[in-house]
Amino acid sequence: MLDNGRDCGRMVDGFSNYAEVLNFIDKLKKRSYSETDVRKILGGNYLRVFSQVWK
C-alpha cells in the first residue's frame, strides 16, 4: 500500500531510515548494551548462522 509515495507495508516504526537505526543503536548503548550485543540484535546472529550453514 502506498501512502504519499512510500510503501508503508514495508516500513517498521523507528527503522524507516538510517538515522532512526543509528538512534536505536545509541539508545541500546545508553542502556549499557555491549557492542557485541548490539551487533547481535542488528542481525549478527543471522549472519553467523548463515555463514556456518553455507560453508
C-alpha atoms as a PDB file:
ATOM      1  CA  MET A   1       0.000   0.000   0.000  1.00  0.00           C
ATOM      2  CA  LEU A   2       1.342   3.423  -0.923  1.00  0.00           C
ATOM      3  CA  ASP A   3       0.992   6.472   1.294  1.00  0.00           C
ATOM      4  CA  ASN A   4       2.439   9.733  -0.035  1.00  0.00           C
ATOM      5  CA  GLY A   5       4.730   7.843  -2.379  1.00  0.00           C
ATOM      6  CA  ARG A   6       6.218   5.404   0.097  1.00  0.00           C
ATOM      7  CA  ASP A   7       5.499   1.745   0.657  1.00  0.00           C
ATOM      8  CA  CYS A   8       4.012   1.696   4.171  1.00  0.00           C
ATOM      9  CA  GLY A   9       3.669  -2.071   4.137  1.00  0.00           C
ATOM     10  CA  ARG A  10       7.443  -2.465   4.363  1.00  0.00           C
ATOM     11  CA  MET A  11       8.308   0.146   6.989  1.00  0.00           C
ATOM     12  CA  VAL A  12       8.794  -0.564  10.678  1.00  0.00           C
ATOM     13  CA  ASP A  13       8.274   2.327  13.076  1.00  0.00           C
ATOM     14  CA  GLY A  14      11.683   3.519  14.205  1.00  0.00           C
ATOM     15  CA  PHE A  15      13.508   1.806  11.334  1.00  0.00           C
ATOM     16  CA  SER A  16      12.299   3.660   8.256  1.00  0.00           C
ATOM     17  CA  ASN A  17      15.661   5.317   7.593  1.00  0.00           C
ATOM     18  CA  TYR A  18      19.325   5.104   8.523  1.00  0.00           C
ATOM     19  CA  ALA A  19      19.147   7.937  11.066  1.00  0.00           C
ATOM     20  CA  GLU A  20      16.467   6.088  13.034  1.00  0.00           C
ATOM     21  CA  VAL A  21      18.597   2.939  13.131  1.00  0.00           C
ATOM     22  CA  LEU A  22      21.529   4.984  14.453  1.00  0.00           C
ATOM     23  CA  ASN A  23      19.218   6.451  17.101  1.00  0.00           C
ATOM     24  CA  PHE A  24      18.150   2.917  18.122  1.00  0.00           C
ATOM     25  CA  ILE A  25      21.810   1.857  18.409  1.00  0.00           C
ATOM     26  CA  ASP A  26      22.562   4.915  20.547  1.00  0.00           C
ATOM     27  CA  LYS A  27      19.659   4.083  22.880  1.00  0.00           C
ATOM     28  CA  LEU A  28      20.867   0.489  23.267  1.00  0.00           C
ATOM     29  CA  LYS A  29      24.352   1.706  24.182  1.00  0.00           C
ATOM     30  CA  LYS A  30      22.927   4.196  26.692  1.00  0.00           C
ATOM     31  CA  ARG A  31      21.182   1.225  28.320  1.00  0.00           C
ATOM     32  CA  SER A  32      24.586  -0.459  28.698  1.00  0.00           C
ATOM     33  CA  TYR A  33      24.274  -2.984  25.886  1.00  0.00           C
ATOM     34  CA  SER A  34      27.725  -4.082  24.781  1.00  0.00           C
ATOM     35  CA  GLU A  35      28.963  -3.635  21.225  1.00  0.00           C
ATOM     36  CA  THR A  36      28.692  -7.416  20.811  1.00  0.00           C
ATOM     37  CA  ASP A  37      25.068  -7.432  21.975  1.00  0.00           C
ATOM     38  CA  VAL A  38      24.185  -4.533  19.671  1.00  0.00           C
ATOM     39  CA  ARG A  39      25.683  -6.387  16.701  1.00  0.00           C
ATOM     40  CA  LYS A  40      23.692  -9.498  17.601  1.00  0.00           C
ATOM     41  CA  ILE A  41      20.467  -7.507  17.891  1.00  0.00           C
ATOM     42  CA  LEU A  42      21.102  -5.931  14.489  1.00  0.00           C
ATOM     43  CA  GLY A  43      21.404  -9.275  12.753  1.00  0.00           C
ATOM     44  CA  GLY A  44      24.780 -10.661  13.708  1.00  0.00           C
ATOM     45  CA  ASN A  45      23.239 -13.927  14.840  1.00  0.00           C
ATOM     46  CA  TYR A  46      21.616 -14.445  11.422  1.00  0.00           C
ATOM     47  CA  LEU A  47      24.893 -13.730   9.651  1.00  0.00           C
ATOM     48  CA  ARG A  48      26.748 -16.159  11.916  1.00  0.00           C
ATOM     49  CA  VAL A  49      24.241 -18.964  11.308  1.00  0.00           C
ATOM     50  CA  PHE A  50      24.175 -18.358   7.552  1.00  0.00           C
ATOM     51  CA  SER A  51      27.969 -18.364   7.348  1.00  0.00           C
ATOM     52  CA  GLN A  52      28.127 -21.682   9.216  1.00  0.00           C
ATOM     53  CA  VAL A  53      25.384 -23.304   7.147  1.00  0.00           C
ATOM     54  CA  TRP A  54      26.723 -22.105   3.791  1.00  0.00           C
ATOM     55  CA  LYS A  55      30.285 -23.438   4.308  1.00  0.00           C
END
